[in-house]
Amino acid sequence: MNEREVVVKSNAGVHARPAMMLVREAMKFPCSVKLIKGEVEADCKSIMSVLGLAIITGTTLKIRAEGEGEDEVVANIVKLIESDFKAN
């Protein structure tokens, strides 16, 4: 299992477009990928689950992955959030 914390700095928080970017990245890997906001956990491979977290600017998220590719997917998602959802 790999887990890291990241603070969302995007002024718009995580609305539909960045949420879809997170889902697309998570779907590239066969492992389980979760976003955790406080006590609430969301499946990062589900757009509705990610949007349901209602992530706003300043939110601290944990990204937790377990299984094949866990290190890479966590690093990629942290990088995506830290880049303010800029495409590579």
C-alpha atoms as a PDB file:
ATOM      1  CA  MET A   1       0.000   0.000   0.000  1.00  0.00           C
ATOM      2  CA  ASN A   2       1.191   3.501  -0.835  1.00  0.00           C
ATOM      3  CA  GLU A   3      -0.361   6.634   0.637  1.00  0.00           C
ATOM      4  CA  ARG A   4       0.479  10.337   0.383  1.00  0.00           C
ATOM      5  CA  GLU A   5      -1.171  13.582   1.378  1.00  0.00           C
ATOM      6  CA  VAL A   6      -1.558  16.596  -0.853  1.00  0.00           C
ATOM      7  CA  VAL A   7      -3.280  19.975  -0.452  1.00  0.00           C
ATOM      8  CA  VAL A   8      -5.531  21.139  -3.292  1.00  0.00           C
ATOM      9  CA  LYS A   9      -4.394  24.618  -4.310  1.00  0.00           C
ATOM     10  CA  SER A  10      -6.609  25.062  -7.354  1.00  0.00           C
ATOM     11  CA  ASN A  11      -8.775  28.174  -6.981  1.00  0.00           C
ATOM     12  CA  ALA A  12     -11.726  26.257  -8.419  1.00  0.00           C
ATOM     13  CA  GLY A  13     -11.231  23.169  -6.273  1.00  0.00           C
ATOM     14  CA  VAL A  14     -11.980  19.863  -7.990  1.00  0.00           C
ATOM     15  CA  HIS A  15     -14.919  20.362 -10.342  1.00  0.00           C
ATOM     16  CA  ALA A  16     -15.875  18.129 -13.294  1.00  0.00           C
ATOM     17  CA  ARG A  17     -12.820  18.618 -15.534  1.00  0.00           C
ATOM     18  CA  PRO A  18     -10.135  18.006 -12.885  1.00  0.00           C
ATOM     19  CA  ALA A  19     -12.196  15.173 -11.401  1.00  0.00           C
ATOM     20  CA  MET A  20     -12.243  13.499 -14.806  1.00  0.00           C
ATOM     21  CA  MET A  21      -8.472  13.961 -15.055  1.00  0.00           C
ATOM     22  CA  LEU A  22      -8.069  12.155 -11.721  1.00  0.00           C
ATOM     23  CA  VAL A  23     -10.347   9.328 -12.839  1.00  0.00           C
ATOM     24  CA  ARG A  24      -8.519   8.924 -16.163  1.00  0.00           C
ATOM     25  CA  GLU A  25      -5.174   8.716 -14.380  1.00  0.00           C
ATOM     26  CA  ALA A  26      -6.451   6.174 -11.841  1.00  0.00           C
ATOM     27  CA  MET A  27      -7.991   4.041 -14.601  1.00  0.00           C
ATOM     28  CA  LYS A  28      -4.566   3.552 -16.208  1.00  0.00           C
ATOM     29  CA  PHE A  29      -3.618   1.223 -13.359  1.00  0.00           C
ATOM     30  CA  PRO A  30      -5.077  -2.105 -12.202  1.00  0.00           C
ATOM     31  CA  CYS A  31      -4.671  -1.296  -8.509  1.00  0.00           C
ATOM     32  CA  SER A  32      -7.282   0.108  -6.139  1.00  0.00           C
ATOM     33  CA  VAL A  33      -7.041   3.918  -5.878  1.00  0.00           C
ATOM     34  CA  LYS A  34      -8.855   5.892  -3.184  1.00  0.00           C
ATOM     35  CA  LEU A  35      -9.133   9.590  -2.400  1.00  0.00           C
ATOM     36  CA  ILE A  36      -9.712  10.323   1.273  1.00  0.00           C
ATOM     37  CA  LYS A  37     -11.041  13.624   2.593  1.00  0.00           C
ATOM     38  CA  GLY A  38     -11.231  13.534   6.371  1.00  0.00           C
ATOM     39  CA  GLU A  39     -13.231  10.429   7.215  1.00  0.00           C
ATOM     40  CA  VAL A  40     -14.803  10.101   3.750  1.00  0.00           C
ATOM     41  CA  GLU A  41     -13.278   7.749   1.181  1.00  0.00           C
ATOM     42  CA  ALA A  42     -13.967   7.829  -2.566  1.00  0.00           C
ATOM     43  CA  ASP A  43     -13.115   5.456  -5.382  1.00  0.00           C
ATOM     44  CA  CYS A  44     -10.796   7.460  -7.635  1.00  0.00           C
ATOM     45  CA  LYS A  45     -12.000   5.438 -10.630  1.00  0.00           C
ATOM     46  CA  SER A  46     -15.558   6.780 -10.253  1.00  0.00           C
ATOM     47  CA  ILE A  47     -16.366  10.330 -11.370  1.00  0.00           C
ATOM     48  CA  MET A  48     -19.451  10.471  -9.146  1.00  0.00           C
ATOM     49  CA  SER A  49     -17.473   9.265  -6.149  1.00  0.00           C
ATOM     50  CA  VAL A  50     -14.741  11.887  -6.699  1.00  0.00           C
ATOM     51  CA  LEU A  51     -17.267  14.713  -7.245  1.00  0.00           C
ATOM     52  CA  GLY A  52     -19.134  13.570  -4.128  1.00  0.00           C
ATOM     53  CA  LEU A  53     -16.153  14.610  -1.999  1.00  0.00           C
ATOM     54  CA  ALA A  54     -16.895  18.274  -2.835  1.00  0.00           C
ATOM     55  CA  ILE A  55     -13.193  19.164  -2.819  1.00  0.00           C
ATOM     56  CA  ILE A  56     -12.510  22.883  -2.445  1.00  0.00           C
ATOM     57  CA  THR A  57      -9.339  24.980  -2.347  1.00  0.00           C
ATOM     58  CA  GLY A  58      -7.229  24.155   0.697  1.00  0.00           C
ATOM     59  CA  THR A  59      -8.614  20.630   1.140  1.00  0.00           C
ATOM     60  CA  THR A  60      -6.068  18.071   2.291  1.00  0.00           C
ATOM     61  CA  LEU A  61      -6.499  14.771   0.482  1.00  0.00           C
ATOM     62  CA  LYS A  62      -4.912  11.403   1.043  1.00  0.00           C
ATOM     63  CA  ILE A  63      -4.277   9.346  -2.038  1.00  0.00           C
ATOM     64  CA  ARG A  64      -4.127   5.647  -1.226  1.00  0.00           C
ATOM     65  CA  ALA A  65      -3.375   2.892  -3.715  1.00  0.00           C
ATOM     66  CA  GLU A  66      -2.954  -0.811  -3.226  1.00  0.00           C
ATOM     67  CA  GLY A  67      -1.815  -3.325  -5.818  1.00  0.00           C
ATOM     68  CA  GLU A  68       0.151  -3.360  -9.038  1.00  0.00           C
ATOM     69  CA  GLY A  69       1.314   0.142  -9.999  1.00  0.00           C
ATOM     70  CA  GLU A  70       0.482   1.695  -6.622  1.00  0.00           C
ATOM     71  CA  ASP A  71       3.662   3.763  -6.366  1.00  0.00           C
ATOM     72  CA  GLU A  72       3.347   5.202  -9.855  1.00  0.00           C
ATOM     73  CA  VAL A  73      -0.355   6.061  -9.643  1.00  0.00           C
ATOM     74  CA  VAL A  74       0.039   7.821  -6.284  1.00  0.00           C
ATOM     75  CA  ALA A  75       2.987   9.841  -7.605  1.00  0.00           C
ATOM     76  CA  ASN A  76       1.090  10.736 -10.796  1.00  0.00           C
ATOM     77  CA  ILE A  77      -2.033  11.863  -8.948  1.00  0.00           C
ATOM     78  CA  VAL A  78      -0.039  13.946  -6.463  1.00  0.00           C
ATOM     79  CA  LYS A  79       1.801  15.557  -9.389  1.00  0.00           C
ATOM     80  CA  LEU A  80      -1.494  16.261 -11.170  1.00  0.00           C
ATOM     81  CA  ILE A  81      -2.994  17.946  -8.097  1.00  0.00           C
ATOM     82  CA  GLU A  82       0.190  19.903  -7.318  1.00  0.00           C
ATOM     83  CA  SER A  83       0.358  21.128 -10.937  1.00  0.00           C
ATOM     84  CA  ASP A  84      -3.136  22.620 -10.557  1.00  0.00           C
ATOM     85  CA  PHE A  85      -4.425  20.023 -13.045  1.00  0.00           C
ATOM     86  CA  LYS A  86      -2.199  21.158 -15.895  1.00  0.00           C
ATOM     87  CA  ALA A  87      -1.885  18.515 -18.631  1.00  0.00           C
ATOM     88  CA  ASN A  88       1.648  17.206 -19.143  1.00  0.00           C
END
